[in-house]
Amino acid sequence: MINRYIYKGQDITLDIIMKIEHVVRLISDKTQKPFDECLYEFYQSKVYEALQKTGSLMWCESAEFIVDEFFREKSKL
């Protein structure tokens, strides 16, 4: 079952799912790792956690911005 993401009464689930796909595709292209591996890494990140919280408005940001945040988080580890 897929979680529904609602923001101000609007269902933005598809927007978030498409954003995740775009972000992970960019990560995969940049790292030359398989999509599935990148998806797993992204799911483990705080950036993904923020993306799921509609109030954070992370979903409004560009995929490139989210990728930069993901790599910034990884560089701090």
N, C-alpha and C. Protein backbone atom coordinates (compact mmCIF):
# COMPACT_ATOMS: atom_id res chain seq x y z
N MET A 1 0.84 -1.18 0.00
CA MET A 1 0.00 0.00 0.00
C MET A 1 0.89 1.25 0.00
N ILE A 2 0.57 2.19 -0.82
CA ILE A 2 1.34 3.43 -0.95
C ILE A 2 0.79 4.48 0.02
N ASN A 3 1.72 5.14 0.72
CA ASN A 3 1.30 6.27 1.56
C ASN A 3 0.78 7.38 0.67
N ARG A 4 -0.20 8.08 1.15
CA ARG A 4 -0.71 9.26 0.45
C ARG A 4 -0.07 10.48 1.08
N TYR A 5 0.33 11.40 0.23
CA TYR A 5 0.92 12.65 0.69
C TYR A 5 -0.05 13.77 0.35
N ILE A 6 -0.50 14.46 1.39
CA ILE A 6 -1.49 15.52 1.23
C ILE A 6 -0.88 16.82 1.72
N TYR A 7 -1.04 17.87 0.91
CA TYR A 7 -0.58 19.19 1.30
C TYR A 7 -1.68 20.19 1.01
N LYS A 8 -2.14 20.85 2.07
CA LYS A 8 -3.23 21.82 1.98
C LYS A 8 -4.43 21.25 1.21
N GLY A 9 -4.78 20.03 1.55
CA GLY A 9 -5.95 19.39 0.95
C GLY A 9 -5.74 18.80 -0.43
N GLN A 10 -4.56 18.96 -0.98
CA GLN A 10 -4.26 18.44 -2.32
C GLN A 10 -3.43 17.16 -2.21
N ASP A 11 -3.77 16.17 -3.00
CA ASP A 11 -3.01 14.93 -3.04
C ASP A 11 -1.79 15.16 -3.93
N ILE A 12 -0.61 15.11 -3.33
CA ILE A 12 0.63 15.34 -4.07
C ILE A 12 1.46 14.06 -4.16
N THR A 13 0.81 12.92 -3.94
CA THR A 13 1.50 11.63 -3.95
C THR A 13 2.26 11.40 -5.25
N LEU A 14 1.61 11.60 -6.38
CA LEU A 14 2.25 11.38 -7.67
C LEU A 14 3.45 12.32 -7.85
N ASP A 15 3.29 13.56 -7.41
CA ASP A 15 4.40 14.53 -7.52
C ASP A 15 5.63 14.03 -6.75
N ILE A 16 5.40 13.53 -5.55
CA ILE A 16 6.52 13.06 -4.73
C ILE A 16 7.14 11.80 -5.32
N ILE A 17 6.32 10.88 -5.79
CA ILE A 17 6.85 9.65 -6.40
C ILE A 17 7.69 9.98 -7.63
N MET A 18 7.20 10.89 -8.46
CA MET A 18 7.95 11.28 -9.65
C MET A 18 9.24 12.00 -9.27
N LYS A 19 9.19 12.80 -8.22
CA LYS A 19 10.39 13.52 -7.76
C LYS A 19 11.44 12.52 -7.27
N ILE A 20 11.00 11.51 -6.52
CA ILE A 20 11.93 10.48 -6.03
C ILE A 20 12.59 9.77 -7.20
N GLU A 21 11.81 9.40 -8.20
CA GLU A 21 12.37 8.72 -9.37
C GLU A 21 13.41 9.59 -10.06
N HIS A 22 13.10 10.86 -10.24
CA HIS A 22 14.02 11.79 -10.90
C HIS A 22 15.31 11.95 -10.09
N VAL A 23 15.16 12.12 -8.78
CA VAL A 23 16.32 12.29 -7.90
C VAL A 23 17.22 11.06 -7.96
N VAL A 24 16.63 9.89 -7.84
CA VAL A 24 17.42 8.66 -7.83
C VAL A 24 18.08 8.43 -9.19
N ARG A 25 17.40 8.78 -10.25
CA ARG A 25 18.00 8.66 -11.59
C ARG A 25 19.23 9.56 -11.69
N LEU A 26 19.13 10.78 -11.18
CA LEU A 26 20.28 11.70 -11.20
C LEU A 26 21.43 11.16 -10.35
N ILE A 27 21.11 10.62 -9.18
CA ILE A 27 22.15 10.03 -8.33
C ILE A 27 22.82 8.87 -9.05
N SER A 28 22.03 8.03 -9.67
CA SER A 28 22.55 6.87 -10.41
C SER A 28 23.46 7.32 -11.55
N ASP A 29 23.03 8.33 -12.29
CA ASP A 29 23.85 8.84 -13.39
C ASP A 29 25.18 9.41 -12.88
N LYS A 30 25.09 10.13 -11.77
CA LYS A 30 26.29 10.80 -11.23
C LYS A 30 27.28 9.80 -10.63
N THR A 31 26.77 8.76 -9.99
CA THR A 31 27.65 7.79 -9.31
C THR A 31 27.97 6.57 -10.16
N GLN A 32 27.23 6.41 -11.27
CA GLN A 32 27.38 5.23 -12.13
C GLN A 32 27.04 3.92 -11.39
N LYS A 33 26.20 4.03 -10.38
CA LYS A 33 25.71 2.86 -9.65
C LYS A 33 24.33 2.49 -10.20
N PRO A 34 23.92 1.23 -10.02
CA PRO A 34 22.59 0.82 -10.48
C PRO A 34 21.49 1.61 -9.76
N PHE A 35 20.39 1.83 -10.46
CA PHE A 35 19.26 2.58 -9.92
C PHE A 35 18.80 2.00 -8.59
N ASP A 36 18.64 0.68 -8.52
CA ASP A 36 18.14 0.03 -7.30
C ASP A 36 19.04 0.29 -6.10
N GLU A 37 20.33 0.26 -6.32
CA GLU A 37 21.28 0.53 -5.24
C GLU A 37 21.16 1.97 -4.76
N CYS A 38 21.02 2.88 -5.70
CA CYS A 38 20.86 4.30 -5.36
C CYS A 38 19.54 4.56 -4.65
N LEU A 39 18.50 3.86 -5.08
CA LEU A 39 17.20 4.00 -4.43
C LEU A 39 17.30 3.58 -2.97
N TYR A 40 17.95 2.46 -2.71
CA TYR A 40 18.12 1.99 -1.34
C TYR A 40 18.90 3.02 -0.51
N GLU A 41 19.99 3.56 -1.06
CA GLU A 41 20.77 4.57 -0.35
C GLU A 41 19.94 5.82 -0.07
N PHE A 42 19.16 6.22 -1.05
CA PHE A 42 18.32 7.42 -0.87
C PHE A 42 17.28 7.18 0.21
N TYR A 43 16.67 6.00 0.23
CA TYR A 43 15.67 5.67 1.25
C TYR A 43 16.25 5.74 2.66
N GLN A 44 17.56 5.55 2.81
CA GLN A 44 18.21 5.57 4.12
C GLN A 44 18.60 6.99 4.57
N SER A 45 18.40 7.98 3.70
CA SER A 45 18.89 9.33 3.99
C SER A 45 17.88 10.20 4.74
N LYS A 46 18.42 11.22 5.39
CA LYS A 46 17.57 12.21 6.05
C LYS A 46 16.88 13.10 5.01
N VAL A 47 17.48 13.22 3.86
CA VAL A 47 16.87 14.00 2.77
C VAL A 47 15.56 13.34 2.34
N TYR A 48 15.58 12.02 2.20
CA TYR A 48 14.36 11.29 1.86
C TYR A 48 13.32 11.45 2.96
N GLU A 49 13.76 11.40 4.20
CA GLU A 49 12.85 11.59 5.33
C GLU A 49 12.18 12.96 5.25
N ALA A 50 12.97 13.99 4.94
CA ALA A 50 12.42 15.34 4.81
C ALA A 50 11.47 15.44 3.63
N LEU A 51 11.78 14.74 2.56
CA LEU A 51 10.93 14.76 1.37
C LEU A 51 9.56 14.18 1.67
N GLN A 52 9.48 13.23 2.56
CA GLN A 52 8.21 12.60 2.92
C GLN A 52 7.35 13.50 3.81
N LYS A 53 7.97 14.43 4.51
CA LYS A 53 7.23 15.35 5.37
C LYS A 53 6.79 16.54 4.53
N THR A 54 5.54 16.54 4.14
CA THR A 54 5.06 17.56 3.19
C THR A 54 5.24 18.97 3.72
N GLY A 55 5.21 19.14 5.02
CA GLY A 55 5.39 20.47 5.61
C GLY A 55 6.78 21.03 5.43
N SER A 56 7.75 20.16 5.14
CA SER A 56 9.12 20.63 4.94
C SER A 56 9.28 21.36 3.61
N LEU A 57 8.34 21.13 2.71
CA LEU A 57 8.34 21.70 1.36
C LEU A 57 9.53 21.26 0.52
N MET A 58 10.23 20.21 0.95
CA MET A 58 11.34 19.67 0.16
C MET A 58 10.84 19.21 -1.21
N TRP A 59 9.62 18.73 -1.27
CA TRP A 59 9.06 18.24 -2.53
C TRP A 59 8.89 19.36 -3.55
N CYS A 60 8.91 20.60 -3.10
CA CYS A 60 8.80 21.75 -4.01
C CYS A 60 10.12 22.09 -4.68
N GLU A 61 11.20 21.61 -4.11
CA GLU A 61 12.53 21.92 -4.63
C GLU A 61 12.81 21.12 -5.90
N SER A 62 13.77 21.58 -6.67
CA SER A 62 14.15 20.86 -7.89
C SER A 62 14.86 19.56 -7.52
N ALA A 63 14.81 18.62 -8.43
CA ALA A 63 15.49 17.34 -8.22
C ALA A 63 16.99 17.58 -8.03
N GLU A 64 17.55 18.52 -8.75
CA GLU A 64 18.98 18.82 -8.65
C GLU A 64 19.33 19.34 -7.25
N PHE A 65 18.48 20.17 -6.69
CA PHE A 65 18.70 20.68 -5.33
C PHE A 65 18.68 19.52 -4.34
N ILE A 66 17.71 18.63 -4.48
CA ILE A 66 17.59 17.49 -3.57
C ILE A 66 18.80 16.58 -3.69
N VAL A 67 19.28 16.37 -4.90
CA VAL A 67 20.50 15.56 -5.11
C VAL A 67 21.68 16.22 -4.40
N ASP A 68 21.82 17.52 -4.54
CA ASP A 68 22.91 18.24 -3.86
C ASP A 68 22.81 18.06 -2.35
N GLU A 69 21.60 18.14 -1.81
CA GLU A 69 21.40 17.94 -0.38
C GLU A 69 21.77 16.52 0.03
N PHE A 70 21.42 15.56 -0.80
CA PHE A 70 21.75 14.16 -0.55
C PHE A 70 23.27 13.97 -0.47
N PHE A 71 24.00 14.51 -1.43
CA PHE A 71 25.45 14.37 -1.43
C PHE A 71 26.08 15.19 -0.28
N ARG A 72 25.49 16.30 0.06
CA ARG A 72 25.98 17.08 1.19
C ARG A 72 25.84 16.26 2.48
N GLU A 73 24.69 15.60 2.63
CA GLU A 73 24.49 14.74 3.80
C GLU A 73 25.50 13.61 3.84
N LYS A 74 25.73 12.96 2.69
CA LYS A 74 26.67 11.84 2.63
C LYS A 74 28.09 12.29 2.95
N SER A 75 28.45 13.50 2.56
CA SER A 75 29.82 13.98 2.80
C SER A 75 30.07 14.26 4.27
N LYS A 76 29.01 14.44 5.05
CA LYS A 76 29.15 14.71 6.49
C LYS A 76 29.31 13.42 7.28
N LEU A 77 29.04 12.28 6.68
CA LEU A 77 29.13 11.00 7.40
C LEU A 77 30.55 10.54 7.55
